[in-house]
Amino acid sequence: MITAVAARSCHHHGSPVSTFASPPSQADSWLMPSPCYSPRDYSGIASRPFGGFSVAVFIRATRFVSCALGLALVLLSAAPSAVQVAQQATVSCAQTWVGQEDALEAFMRAAPVLKLEDVPIGVTKPRRAVFEPGGLVQRAAWKPLAPSYRGGFRESYKAEVAAYKLDRVLELHMVPPVIERTMSRIKGALVYWIENTHPWDIKNPPNRPDAEWSHRVSRMRLFDQLVANIDRNAGNLLYDDDGHLFLIDHSRAFTERTDIKNLAVPARIDRALWNRIEALTLDQMQVALGEWLSDKELRAVLARRDRIRDQITTMVARRGETAVFF
């Protein structure tokens, strides 16, 4: 079942979180989620009716047995059932596609779309595709953005596909599955709709103090510099109760610009992710992204990678390698 897969697929990216990791920088403060407390009311059950007699009467009649029974009842009332634990785990983690990307892509390419719903958010006016109940995917965002300029910005559904493809190459697991599909003779990007997430609220941002959250923010910024994503804002960030950060809306990314000016700088650098970025070659990029990006756009990715290298060299010179990499 999908529920089982979802619970199994969710994982923390990178190394285990260390309680001695460096605290998030001030620059990351707007992206720090707050601890979540869910107090439960474990009210007593000793006064509830039991077979026509109150439990209090039953205790007086058989004190030894009632003590054992009362203890068992208290333990049962306090401990969540296995089903509750599974449900909580499933709902708290929305990163359900990892490890089954190929199956999800195949489903979204072929599965009948029951209807398209209007989505009252987003500058590009995406619509929401709804699939048959019980399928591998419940919903997807439909973005038929032919490459063109809108409001002074170049938009393209192909950039949405390219962002996902590059995410897979880099093993980032932050961009949900995206495929190209034709509906009503119009080509566009069909983006996996991540269920059980929260939209970013600038007035009440998540405030999570653990180091792994800060690491995810740094990975996001490194990725945005690489793809020249000039449109990262609260409207295209999602997160789940498990602390995963999700990146959506990349239709303005992958321009031909070769610099990384005015793009947010990561506070620290994920060494494993950077090693994969450093290893990128033009041939590899052409195989993975050549269907979606022009030769100039592919070369621009590698040129920005070189600028990021210069940036990291400066960071290490100022702060030291240990303080920069995690």
C-alpha atoms as a PDB file:
ATOM      1  CA  MET A   1       0.000   0.000   0.000  1.00  0.00           C
ATOM      2  CA  ILE A   2       1.080   3.571  -0.572  1.00  0.00           C
ATOM      3  CA  THR A   3       0.912   4.317   3.160  1.00  0.00           C
ATOM      4  CA  ALA A   4       3.517   1.665   3.881  1.00  0.00           C
ATOM      5  CA  VAL A   5       5.765   2.974   1.125  1.00  0.00           C
ATOM      6  CA  ALA A   6       5.379   6.532   2.391  1.00  0.00           C
ATOM      7  CA  ALA A   7       6.403   5.643   5.916  1.00  0.00           C
ATOM      8  CA  ARG A   8       9.358   3.613   4.630  1.00  0.00           C
ATOM      9  CA  SER A   9      10.607   6.183   2.110  1.00  0.00           C
ATOM     10  CA  CYS A  10      10.913   9.097   4.507  1.00  0.00           C
ATOM     11  CA  HIS A  11      14.447   9.639   5.682  1.00  0.00           C
ATOM     12  CA  HIS A  12      16.837  12.332   6.801  1.00  0.00           C
ATOM     13  CA  HIS A  13      19.199  13.510   4.101  1.00  0.00           C
ATOM     14  CA  GLY A  14      22.870  13.441   5.020  1.00  0.00           C
ATOM     15  CA  SER A  15      24.580  12.531   8.278  1.00  0.00           C
ATOM     16  CA  PRO A  16      22.827  12.109  11.615  1.00  0.00           C
ATOM     17  CA  VAL A  17      22.072  15.397  13.343  1.00  0.00           C
ATOM     18  CA  SER A  18      24.677  16.374  15.921  1.00  0.00           C
ATOM     19  CA  THR A  19      23.663  18.332  18.995  1.00  0.00           C
ATOM     20  CA  PHE A  20      27.062  20.016  18.834  1.00  0.00           C
ATOM     21  CA  ALA A  21      26.614  21.337  15.287  1.00  0.00           C
ATOM     22  CA  SER A  22      27.086  25.034  14.675  1.00  0.00           C
ATOM     23  CA  PRO A  23      23.948  27.073  15.319  1.00  0.00           C
ATOM     24  CA  PRO A  24      22.130  28.539  12.318  1.00  0.00           C
ATOM     25  CA  SER A  25      23.438  31.871  11.126  1.00  0.00           C
ATOM     26  CA  GLN A  26      21.447  35.057  11.521  1.00  0.00           C
ATOM     27  CA  ALA A  27      20.909  35.029   7.760  1.00  0.00           C
ATOM     28  CA  ASP A  28      18.984  31.785   8.168  1.00  0.00           C
ATOM     29  CA  SER A  29      16.759  33.065  10.975  1.00  0.00           C
ATOM     30  CA  TRP A  30      13.759  33.666   8.699  1.00  0.00           C
ATOM     31  CA  LEU A  31      13.939  30.020   7.710  1.00  0.00           C
ATOM     32  CA  MET A  32      14.101  28.420  11.123  1.00  0.00           C
ATOM     33  CA  PRO A  33      10.916  26.287  12.069  1.00  0.00           C
ATOM     34  CA  SER A  34       9.530  26.284  15.862  1.00  0.00           C
ATOM     35  CA  PRO A  35       9.311  23.261  18.080  1.00  0.00           C
ATOM     36  CA  CYS A  36       5.925  21.642  17.939  1.00  0.00           C
ATOM     37  CA  TYR A  37       4.237  20.609  21.134  1.00  0.00           C
ATOM     38  CA  SER A  38       1.175  18.351  21.163  1.00  0.00           C
ATOM     39  CA  PRO A  39       0.034  17.950  24.764  1.00  0.00           C
ATOM     40  CA  ARG A  40      -2.314  15.031  25.194  1.00  0.00           C
ATOM     41  CA  ASP A  41      -5.085  14.767  27.754  1.00  0.00           C
ATOM     42  CA  TYR A  42      -4.617  11.433  29.430  1.00  0.00           C
ATOM     43  CA  SER A  43      -7.686  11.782  31.596  1.00  0.00           C
ATOM     44  CA  GLY A  44      -8.362   9.101  34.172  1.00  0.00           C
ATOM     45  CA  ILE A  45     -10.809   6.322  33.537  1.00  0.00           C
ATOM     46  CA  ALA A  46     -11.398   5.129  37.106  1.00  0.00           C
ATOM     47  CA  SER A  47     -14.766   6.892  37.370  1.00  0.00           C
ATOM     48  CA  ARG A  48     -16.240   5.493  34.156  1.00  0.00           C
ATOM     49  CA  PRO A  49     -19.218   3.062  34.429  1.00  0.00           C
ATOM     50  CA  PHE A  50     -18.279  -0.581  34.073  1.00  0.00           C
ATOM     51  CA  GLY A  51     -21.026  -3.162  33.566  1.00  0.00           C
ATOM     52  CA  GLY A  52     -23.563  -1.223  35.599  1.00  0.00           C
ATOM     53  CA  PHE A  53     -21.137  -0.625  38.490  1.00  0.00           C
ATOM     54  CA  SER A  54     -18.642   2.160  38.838  1.00  0.00           C
ATOM     55  CA  VAL A  55     -15.004   1.184  38.754  1.00  0.00           C
ATOM     56  CA  ALA A  56     -14.735   2.543  42.306  1.00  0.00           C
ATOM     57  CA  VAL A  57     -17.215  -0.122  43.510  1.00  0.00           C
ATOM     58  CA  PHE A  58     -15.317  -2.764  41.587  1.00  0.00           C
ATOM     59  CA  ILE A  59     -12.066  -1.682  43.262  1.00  0.00           C
ATOM     60  CA  ARG A  60     -13.535  -2.025  46.717  1.00  0.00           C
ATOM     61  CA  ALA A  61     -14.848  -5.507  45.876  1.00  0.00           C
ATOM     62  CA  THR A  62     -11.640  -6.902  44.436  1.00  0.00           C
ATOM     63  CA  ARG A  63      -8.786  -4.597  45.364  1.00  0.00           C
ATOM     64  CA  PHE A  64      -5.887  -6.687  44.129  1.00  0.00           C
ATOM     65  CA  VAL A  65      -7.464  -7.477  40.766  1.00  0.00           C
ATOM     66  CA  SER A  66      -8.630  -3.911  40.278  1.00  0.00           C
ATOM     67  CA  CYS A  67      -5.143  -2.544  40.913  1.00  0.00           C
ATOM     68  CA  ALA A  68      -3.772  -4.732  38.160  1.00  0.00           C
ATOM     69  CA  LEU A  69      -6.692  -3.860  35.908  1.00  0.00           C
ATOM     70  CA  GLY A  70      -6.343  -0.153  36.646  1.00  0.00           C
ATOM     71  CA  LEU A  71      -2.649  -0.230  35.872  1.00  0.00           C
ATOM     72  CA  ALA A  72      -3.302  -2.002  32.585  1.00  0.00           C
ATOM     73  CA  LEU A  73      -6.017   0.491  31.654  1.00  0.00           C
ATOM     74  CA  VAL A  74      -3.788   3.455  32.430  1.00  0.00           C
ATOM     75  CA  LEU A  75      -0.964   2.002  30.348  1.00  0.00           C
ATOM     76  CA  LEU A  76      -3.303   1.300  27.458  1.00  0.00           C
ATOM     77  CA  SER A  77      -4.795   4.780  27.598  1.00  0.00           C
ATOM     78  CA  ALA A  78      -1.369   6.448  27.689  1.00  0.00           C
ATOM     79  CA  ALA A  79       0.326   4.422  24.964  1.00  0.00           C
ATOM     80  CA  PRO A  80      -0.684   5.180  21.341  1.00  0.00           C
ATOM     81  CA  SER A  81      -1.628   2.147  19.301  1.00  0.00           C
ATOM     82  CA  ALA A  82       0.510   0.859  16.451  1.00  0.00           C
ATOM     83  CA  VAL A  83      -2.048   2.230  14.016  1.00  0.00           C
ATOM     84  CA  GLN A  84      -1.830   5.685  15.614  1.00  0.00           C
ATOM     85  CA  VAL A  85       1.956   5.615  15.463  1.00  0.00           C
ATOM     86  CA  ALA A  86       1.872   4.613  11.783  1.00  0.00           C
ATOM     87  CA  GLN A  87      -0.655   7.308  10.981  1.00  0.00           C
ATOM     88  CA  GLN A  88       1.361   9.971  12.787  1.00  0.00           C
ATOM     89  CA  ALA A  89       4.563   8.894  11.030  1.00  0.00           C
ATOM     90  CA  THR A  90       2.868   8.906   7.651  1.00  0.00           C
ATOM     91  CA  VAL A  91       1.289  12.328   8.119  1.00  0.00           C
ATOM     92  CA  SER A  92       4.404  13.921   9.610  1.00  0.00           C
ATOM     93  CA  CYS A  93       6.580  12.911   6.636  1.00  0.00           C
ATOM     94  CA  ALA A  94       5.620  14.101   3.157  1.00  0.00           C
ATOM     95  CA  GLN A  95       8.817  13.016   1.386  1.00  0.00           C
ATOM     96  CA  THR A  96       7.087   9.920   0.031  1.00  0.00           C
ATOM     97  CA  TRP A  97       8.465   9.767  -3.509  1.00  0.00           C
ATOM     98  CA  VAL A  98      12.091   8.887  -2.716  1.00  0.00           C
ATOM     99  CA  GLY A  99      12.938   5.448  -4.079  1.00  0.00           C
ATOM    100  CA  GLN A 100       9.859   5.187  -6.294  1.00  0.00           C
ATOM    101  CA  GLU A 101      10.444   8.073  -8.697  1.00  0.00           C
ATOM    102  CA  ASP A 102      10.293   5.917 -11.838  1.00  0.00           C
ATOM    103  CA  ALA A 103       6.942   4.407 -10.861  1.00  0.00           C
ATOM    104  CA  LEU A 104       5.472   7.810 -10.029  1.00  0.00           C
ATOM    105  CA  GLU A 105       6.701   9.306 -13.296  1.00  0.00           C
ATOM    106  CA  ALA A 106       5.159   6.441 -15.280  1.00  0.00           C
ATOM    107  CA  PHE A 107       1.857   6.834 -13.444  1.00  0.00           C
ATOM    108  CA  MET A 108       1.677  10.592 -14.052  1.00  0.00           C
ATOM    109  CA  ARG A 109       2.417  10.112 -17.757  1.00  0.00           C
ATOM    110  CA  ALA A 110      -0.340   7.573 -18.370  1.00  0.00           C
ATOM    111  CA  ALA A 111      -3.015   7.812 -15.664  1.00  0.00           C
ATOM    112  CA  PRO A 112      -6.330   9.432 -16.702  1.00  0.00           C
ATOM    113  CA  VAL A 113      -6.938  12.864 -15.194  1.00  0.00           C
ATOM    114  CA  LEU A 114     -10.462  13.086 -13.774  1.00  0.00           C
ATOM    115  CA  LYS A 115     -10.561  16.868 -13.645  1.00  0.00           C
ATOM    116  CA  LEU A 116      -8.507  20.051 -13.507  1.00  0.00           C
ATOM    117  CA  GLU A 117      -9.198  22.384 -10.600  1.00  0.00           C
ATOM    118  CA  ASP A 118      -8.333  26.064 -10.356  1.00  0.00           C
ATOM    119  CA  VAL A 119      -5.690  26.927  -7.777  1.00  0.00           C
ATOM    120  CA  PRO A 120      -6.239  30.362  -6.219  1.00  0.00           C
ATOM    121  CA  ILE A 121      -2.523  30.992  -5.680  1.00  0.00           C
ATOM    122  CA  GLY A 122       0.559  31.418  -7.841  1.00  0.00           C
ATOM    123  CA  VAL A 123       1.560  34.066 -10.366  1.00  0.00           C
ATOM    124  CA  THR A 124       1.607  31.563 -13.232  1.00  0.00           C
ATOM    125  CA  LYS A 125      -1.918  30.309 -12.432  1.00  0.00           C
ATOM    126  CA  PRO A 126      -1.231  26.559 -12.241  1.00  0.00           C
ATOM    127  CA  ARG A 127      -4.153  24.153 -12.110  1.00  0.00           C
ATOM    128  CA  ARG A 128      -4.517  21.000 -10.023  1.00  0.00           C
ATOM    129  CA  ALA A 129      -4.956  17.675 -11.809  1.00  0.00           C
ATOM    130  CA  VAL A 130      -6.950  15.069  -9.890  1.00  0.00           C
ATOM    131  CA  PHE A 131      -6.448  11.331 -10.531  1.00  0.00           C
ATOM    132  CA  GLU A 132      -8.669   8.333  -9.804  1.00  0.00           C
ATOM    133  CA  PRO A 133      -8.875   7.553  -6.066  1.00  0.00           C
ATOM    134  CA  GLY A 134      -6.572   4.774  -4.884  1.00  0.00           C
ATOM    135  CA  GLY A 135      -3.885   5.395  -7.490  1.00  0.00           C
ATOM    136  CA  LEU A 136      -0.182   5.877  -6.900  1.00  0.00           C
ATOM    137  CA  VAL A 137      -0.605   9.665  -7.130  1.00  0.00           C
ATOM    138  CA  GLN A 138      -3.613  11.592  -5.860  1.00  0.00           C
ATOM    139  CA  ARG A 139      -3.019  15.029  -7.380  1.00  0.00           C
ATOM    140  CA  ALA A 140      -0.524  17.003  -9.450  1.00  0.00           C
ATOM    141  CA  ALA A 141       0.056  20.631 -10.408  1.00  0.00           C
ATOM    142  CA  TRP A 142      -0.447  21.331 -14.127  1.00  0.00           C
ATOM    143  CA  LYS A 143       1.807  24.083 -15.521  1.00  0.00           C
ATOM    144  CA  PRO A 144       1.488  24.494 -19.317  1.00  0.00           C
ATOM    145  CA  LEU A 145       4.006  27.351 -19.542  1.00  0.00           C
ATOM    146  CA  ALA A 146       5.354  27.544 -23.083  1.00  0.00           C
ATOM    147  CA  PRO A 147       8.835  29.145 -23.079  1.00  0.00           C
ATOM    148  CA  SER A 148       8.198  32.907 -23.247  1.00  0.00           C
ATOM    149  CA  TYR A 149       8.486  36.154 -21.328  1.00  0.00           C
ATOM    150  CA  ARG A 150       5.769  37.047 -18.830  1.00  0.00           C
ATOM    151  CA  GLY A 151       5.909  40.221 -16.777  1.00  0.00           C
ATOM    152  CA  GLY A 152       9.533  40.755 -17.704  1.00  0.00           C
ATOM    153  CA  PHE A 153      10.617  37.229 -16.700  1.00  0.00           C
ATOM    154  CA  ARG A 154      11.273  34.225 -18.862  1.00  0.00           C
ATOM    155  CA  GLU A 155       9.009  31.355 -17.841  1.00  0.00           C
ATOM    156  CA  SER A 156       9.145  27.783 -19.110  1.00  0.00           C
ATOM    157  CA  TYR A 157       7.617  24.482 -18.056  1.00  0.00           C
ATOM    158  CA  LYS A 158      10.848  22.883 -19.272  1.00  0.00           C
ATOM    159  CA  ALA A 159      12.725  24.516 -16.402  1.00  0.00           C
ATOM    160  CA  GLU A 160      10.378  22.706 -13.997  1.00  0.00           C
ATOM    161  CA  VAL A 161      11.342  19.360 -15.516  1.00  0.00           C
ATOM    162  CA  ALA A 162      15.039  20.285 -15.581  1.00  0.00           C
ATOM    163  CA  ALA A 163      15.024  21.219 -11.875  1.00  0.00           C
ATOM    164  CA  TYR A 164      13.635  17.809 -10.966  1.00  0.00           C
ATOM    165  CA  LYS A 165      16.063  15.977 -13.254  1.00  0.00           C
ATOM    166  CA  LEU A 166      19.022  17.814 -11.727  1.00  0.00           C
ATOM    167  CA  ASP A 167      17.683  17.113  -8.230  1.00  0.00           C
ATOM    168  CA  ARG A 168      17.809  13.406  -9.081  1.00  0.00           C
ATOM    169  CA  VAL A 169      21.343  13.624 -10.459  1.00  0.00           C
ATOM    170  CA  LEU A 170      22.484  15.374  -7.273  1.00  0.00           C
ATOM    171  CA  GLU A 171      20.459  13.065  -4.969  1.00  0.00           C
ATOM    172  CA  LEU A 172      18.993  16.155  -3.296  1.00  0.00           C
ATOM    173  CA  HIS A 173      15.453  14.785  -2.729  1.00  0.00           C
ATOM    174  CA  MET A 174      13.922  18.234  -2.314  1.00  0.00           C
ATOM    175  CA  VAL A 175      12.205  18.763  -5.691  1.00  0.00           C
ATOM    176  CA  PRO A 176       9.137  16.538  -6.229  1.00  0.00           C
ATOM    177  CA  PRO A 177       8.765  14.431  -9.410  1.00  0.00           C
ATOM    178  CA  VAL A 178       7.961  16.365 -12.599  1.00  0.00           C
ATOM    179  CA  ILE A 179       7.162  15.006 -16.056  1.00  0.00           C
ATOM    180  CA  GLU A 180       6.269  16.504 -19.414  1.00  0.00           C
ATOM    181  CA  ARG A 181       2.738  15.687 -20.517  1.00  0.00           C
ATOM    182  CA  THR A 182       0.345  16.763 -23.240  1.00  0.00           C
ATOM    183  CA  MET A 183      -3.245  17.475 -22.245  1.00  0.00           C
ATOM    184  CA  SER A 184      -5.832  18.891 -24.634  1.00  0.00           C
ATOM    185  CA  ARG A 185      -3.009  19.160 -27.203  1.00  0.00           C
ATOM    186  CA  ILE A 186      -1.022  21.468 -24.895  1.00  0.00           C
ATOM    187  CA  LYS A 187       2.376  20.505 -23.505  1.00  0.00           C
ATOM    188  CA  GLY A 188       3.279  21.341 -19.959  1.00  0.00           C
ATOM    189  CA  ALA A 189       4.855  20.176 -16.724  1.00  0.00           C
ATOM    190  CA  LEU A 190       2.903  17.890 -14.429  1.00  0.00           C
ATOM    191  CA  VAL A 191       4.307  18.268 -10.910  1.00  0.00           C
ATOM    192  CA  TYR A 192       3.689  15.729  -8.148  1.00  0.00           C
ATOM    193  CA  TRP A 193       1.477  17.370  -5.530  1.00  0.00           C
ATOM    194  CA  ILE A 194       3.120  16.910  -2.131  1.00  0.00           C
ATOM    195  CA  GLU A 195       0.428  16.000   0.362  1.00  0.00           C
ATOM    196  CA  ASN A 196       0.516  16.760   4.109  1.00  0.00           C
ATOM    197  CA  THR A 197       2.668  19.882   3.863  1.00  0.00           C
ATOM    198  CA  HIS A 198       2.469  23.428   5.179  1.00  0.00           C
ATOM    199  CA  PRO A 199       2.904  26.566   3.075  1.00  0.00           C
ATOM    200  CA  TRP A 200       5.480  29.064   4.247  1.00  0.00           C
ATOM    201  CA  ASP A 201       3.985  31.854   6.318  1.00  0.00           C
ATOM    202  CA  ILE A 202       6.279  34.875   6.618  1.00  0.00           C
ATOM    203  CA  LYS A 203       4.293  36.229   9.582  1.00  0.00           C
ATOM    204  CA  ASN A 204       4.508  32.897  11.399  1.00  0.00           C
ATOM    205  CA  PRO A 205       7.471  30.984   9.927  1.00  0.00           C
ATOM    206  CA  PRO A 206       8.454  27.541  11.151  1.00  0.00           C
ATOM    207  CA  ASN A 207      11.055  27.782  13.877  1.00  0.00           C
ATOM    208  CA  ARG A 208      12.966  24.548  14.162  1.00  0.00           C
ATOM    209  CA  PRO A 209      16.177  24.762  16.214  1.00  0.00           C
ATOM    210  CA  ASP A 210      17.877  21.553  15.049  1.00  0.00           C
ATOM    211  CA  ALA A 211      21.012  21.675  12.908  1.00  0.00           C
ATOM    212  CA  GLU A 212      19.564  19.480  10.147  1.00  0.00           C
ATOM    213  CA  TRP A 213      16.997  22.159   9.308  1.00  0.00           C
ATOM    214  CA  SER A 214      19.788  24.709   8.854  1.00  0.00           C
ATOM    215  CA  HIS A 215      21.576  22.180   6.639  1.00  0.00           C
ATOM    216  CA  ARG A 216      18.491  21.829   4.451  1.00  0.00           C
ATOM    217  CA  VAL A 217      18.277  25.593   4.054  1.00  0.00           C
ATOM    218  CA  SER A 218      21.934  25.626   2.994  1.00  0.00           C
ATOM    219  CA  ARG A 219      21.314  22.868   0.433  1.00  0.00           C
ATOM    220  CA  MET A 220      18.386  24.841  -0.967  1.00  0.00           C
ATOM    221  CA  ARG A 221      20.532  27.949  -1.408  1.00  0.00           C
ATOM    222  CA  LEU A 222      23.348  26.011  -3.035  1.00  0.00           C
ATOM    223  CA  PHE A 223      20.870  24.450  -5.475  1.00  0.00           C
ATOM    224  CA  ASP A 224      19.268  27.842  -6.214  1.00  0.00           C
ATOM    225  CA  GLN A 225      22.653  29.352  -7.017  1.00  0.00           C
ATOM    226  CA  LEU A 226      23.449  26.476  -9.355  1.00  0.00           C
ATOM    227  CA  VAL A 227      20.169  26.729 -11.309  1.00  0.00           C
ATOM    228  CA  ALA A 228      19.958  30.559 -11.107  1.00  0.00           C
ATOM    229  CA  ASN A 229      16.606  30.470  -9.388  1.00  0.00           C
ATOM    230  CA  ILE A 230      15.716  34.134  -8.984  1.00  0.00           C
ATOM    231  CA  ASP A 231      12.234  33.381  -7.671  1.00  0.00           C
ATOM    232  CA  ARG A 232      12.747  31.628  -4.345  1.00  0.00           C
ATOM    233  CA  ASN A 233      10.181  33.102  -1.981  1.00  0.00           C
ATOM    234  CA  ALA A 234       7.687  32.016   0.666  1.00  0.00           C
ATOM    235  CA  GLY A 235       5.158  31.098  -2.025  1.00  0.00           C
ATOM    236  CA  ASN A 236       7.300  28.305  -3.428  1.00  0.00           C
ATOM    237  CA  LEU A 237       8.521  26.723  -0.207  1.00  0.00           C
ATOM    238  CA  LEU A 238       6.758  23.905   1.617  1.00  0.00           C
ATOM    239  CA  TYR A 239       7.684  21.901   4.688  1.00  0.00           C
ATOM    240  CA  ASP A 240       6.287  18.948   6.617  1.00  0.00           C
ATOM    241  CA  ASP A 241       6.019  18.078  10.299  1.00  0.00           C
ATOM    242  CA  ASP A 242       9.126  15.906  10.018  1.00  0.00           C
ATOM    243  CA  GLY A 243      11.278  18.922   9.126  1.00  0.00           C
ATOM    244  CA  HIS A 244      11.696  18.278   5.395  1.00  0.00           C
ATOM    245  CA  LEU A 245      11.948  21.339   3.165  1.00  0.00           C
ATOM    246  CA  PHE A 246      10.475  21.094  -0.347  1.00  0.00           C
ATOM    247  CA  LEU A 247      11.308  23.241  -3.359  1.00  0.00           C
ATOM    248  CA  ILE A 248       8.639  23.978  -5.994  1.00  0.00           C
ATOM    249  CA  ASP A 249       8.118  26.473  -8.844  1.00  0.00           C
ATOM    250  CA  HIS A 250      11.311  26.641 -10.916  1.00  0.00           C
ATOM    251  CA  SER A 251       9.820  28.030 -14.121  1.00  0.00           C
ATOM    252  CA  ARG A 252      12.136  31.078 -14.006  1.00  0.00           C
ATOM    253  CA  ALA A 253      15.322  29.109 -13.356  1.00  0.00           C
ATOM    254  CA  PHE A 254      18.047  27.940 -15.765  1.00  0.00           C
ATOM    255  CA  THR A 255      18.622  31.219 -17.591  1.00  0.00           C
ATOM    256  CA  GLU A 256      21.811  31.881 -19.523  1.00  0.00           C
ATOM    257  CA  ARG A 257      23.277  34.107 -16.800  1.00  0.00           C
ATOM    258  CA  THR A 258      26.676  32.896 -15.624  1.00  0.00           C
ATOM    259  CA  ASP A 259      27.002  34.833 -12.354  1.00  0.00           C
ATOM    260  CA  ILE A 260      25.458  34.182  -8.936  1.00  0.00           C
ATOM    261  CA  LYS A 261      24.981  37.804  -7.874  1.00  0.00           C
ATOM    262  CA  ASN A 262      21.929  38.589  -5.739  1.00  0.00           C
ATOM    263  CA  LEU A 263      21.292  34.902  -5.066  1.00  0.00           C
ATOM    264  CA  ALA A 264      21.190  33.942  -1.371  1.00  0.00           C
ATOM    265  CA  VAL A 265      24.500  32.522  -0.146  1.00  0.00           C
ATOM    266  CA  PRO A 266      24.393  29.276   1.874  1.00  0.00           C
ATOM    267  CA  ALA A 267      25.639  29.644   5.449  1.00  0.00           C
ATOM    268  CA  ARG A 268      27.464  26.318   5.221  1.00  0.00           C
ATOM    269  CA  ILE A 269      28.186  23.734   2.520  1.00  0.00           C
ATOM    270  CA  ASP A 270      27.111  20.096   2.383  1.00  0.00           C
ATOM    271  CA  ARG A 271      30.386  18.446   1.386  1.00  0.00           C
ATOM    272  CA  ALA A 272      28.750  15.385  -0.214  1.00  0.00           C
ATOM    273  CA  LEU A 273      26.377  17.552  -2.267  1.00  0.00           C
ATOM    274  CA  TRP A 274      29.180  19.865  -3.323  1.00  0.00           C
ATOM    275  CA  ASN A 275      31.302  16.895  -4.411  1.00  0.00           C
ATOM    276  CA  ARG A 276      28.459  15.786  -6.702  1.00  0.00           C
ATOM    277  CA  ILE A 277      28.113  19.313  -8.089  1.00  0.00           C
ATOM    278  CA  GLU A 278      31.863  19.515  -8.668  1.00  0.00           C
ATOM    279  CA  ALA A 279      31.746  16.218 -10.566  1.00  0.00           C
ATOM    280  CA  LEU A 280      29.142  17.455 -13.093  1.00  0.00           C
ATOM    281  CA  THR A 281      30.326  17.398 -16.712  1.00  0.00           C
ATOM    282  CA  LEU A 282      28.816  18.840 -19.866  1.00  0.00           C
ATOM    283  CA  ASP A 283      28.313  15.343 -21.276  1.00  0.00           C
ATOM    284  CA  GLN A 284      26.476  14.251 -18.142  1.00  0.00           C
ATOM    285  CA  MET A 285      24.330  17.385 -18.220  1.00  0.00           C
ATOM    286  CA  GLN A 286      23.446  16.860 -21.873  1.00  0.00           C
ATOM    287  CA  VAL A 287      22.246  13.322 -21.154  1.00  0.00           C
ATOM    288  CA  ALA A 288      20.222  14.275 -18.073  1.00  0.00           C
ATOM    289  CA  LEU A 289      18.958  17.730 -19.052  1.00  0.00           C
ATOM    290  CA  GLY A 290      19.631  18.150 -22.784  1.00  0.00           C
ATOM    291  CA  GLU A 291      15.993  17.520 -23.696  1.00  0.00           C
ATOM    292  CA  TRP A 292      14.912  20.477 -21.557  1.00  0.00           C
ATOM    293  CA  LEU A 293      17.738  23.004 -21.735  1.00  0.00           C
ATOM    294  CA  SER A 294      19.681  24.607 -24.592  1.00  0.00           C
ATOM    295  CA  ASP A 295      23.435  24.217 -24.919  1.00  0.00           C
ATOM    296  CA  LYS A 296      23.922  27.780 -23.618  1.00  0.00           C
ATOM    297  CA  GLU A 297      21.738  27.090 -20.595  1.00  0.00           C
ATOM    298  CA  LEU A 298      23.664  23.889 -19.825  1.00  0.00           C
ATOM    299  CA  ARG A 299      27.008  25.674 -20.068  1.00  0.00           C
ATOM    300  CA  ALA A 300      25.659  28.445 -17.848  1.00  0.00           C
ATOM    301  CA  VAL A 301      24.982  25.869 -15.105  1.00  0.00           C
ATOM    302  CA  LEU A 302      28.640  24.826 -15.192  1.00  0.00           C
ATOM    303  CA  ALA A 303      29.799  28.453 -15.276  1.00  0.00           C
ATOM    304  CA  ARG A 304      27.744  29.181 -12.145  1.00  0.00           C
ATOM    305  CA  ARG A 305      29.236  26.068 -10.572  1.00  0.00           C
ATOM    306  CA  ASP A 306      32.672  27.649 -11.101  1.00  0.00           C
ATOM    307  CA  ARG A 307      31.506  30.889  -9.440  1.00  0.00           C
ATOM    308  CA  ILE A 308      30.220  28.850  -6.488  1.00  0.00           C
ATOM    309  CA  ARG A 309      33.639  27.214  -6.213  1.00  0.00           C
ATOM    310  CA  ASP A 310      35.226  30.660  -5.956  1.00  0.00           C
ATOM    311  CA  GLN A 311      32.666  31.599  -3.297  1.00  0.00           C
ATOM    312  CA  ILE A 312      33.442  28.487  -1.240  1.00  0.00           C
ATOM    313  CA  THR A 313      37.183  29.115  -1.512  1.00  0.00           C
ATOM    314  CA  THR A 314      36.644  32.587  -0.045  1.00  0.00           C
ATOM    315  CA  MET A 315      34.418  31.207   2.734  1.00  0.00           C
ATOM    316  CA  VAL A 316      37.059  28.644   3.724  1.00  0.00           C
ATOM    317  CA  ALA A 317      39.815  31.251   3.694  1.00  0.00           C
ATOM    318  CA  ARG A 318      37.821  33.439   6.083  1.00  0.00           C
ATOM    319  CA  ARG A 319      36.278  30.874   8.412  1.00  0.00           C
ATOM    320  CA  GLY A 320      38.210  27.650   8.023  1.00  0.00           C
ATOM    321  CA  GLU A 321      37.173  24.382   6.370  1.00  0.00           C
ATOM    322  CA  THR A 322      35.589  22.874   9.482  1.00  0.00           C
ATOM    323  CA  ALA A 323      33.303  25.854   9.953  1.00  0.00           C
ATOM    324  CA  VAL A 324      32.235  25.895   6.298  1.00  0.00           C
ATOM    325  CA  PHE A 325      31.569  22.216   5.486  1.00  0.00           C
ATOM    326  CA  PHE A 326      29.266  19.762   7.169  1.00  0.00           C
END
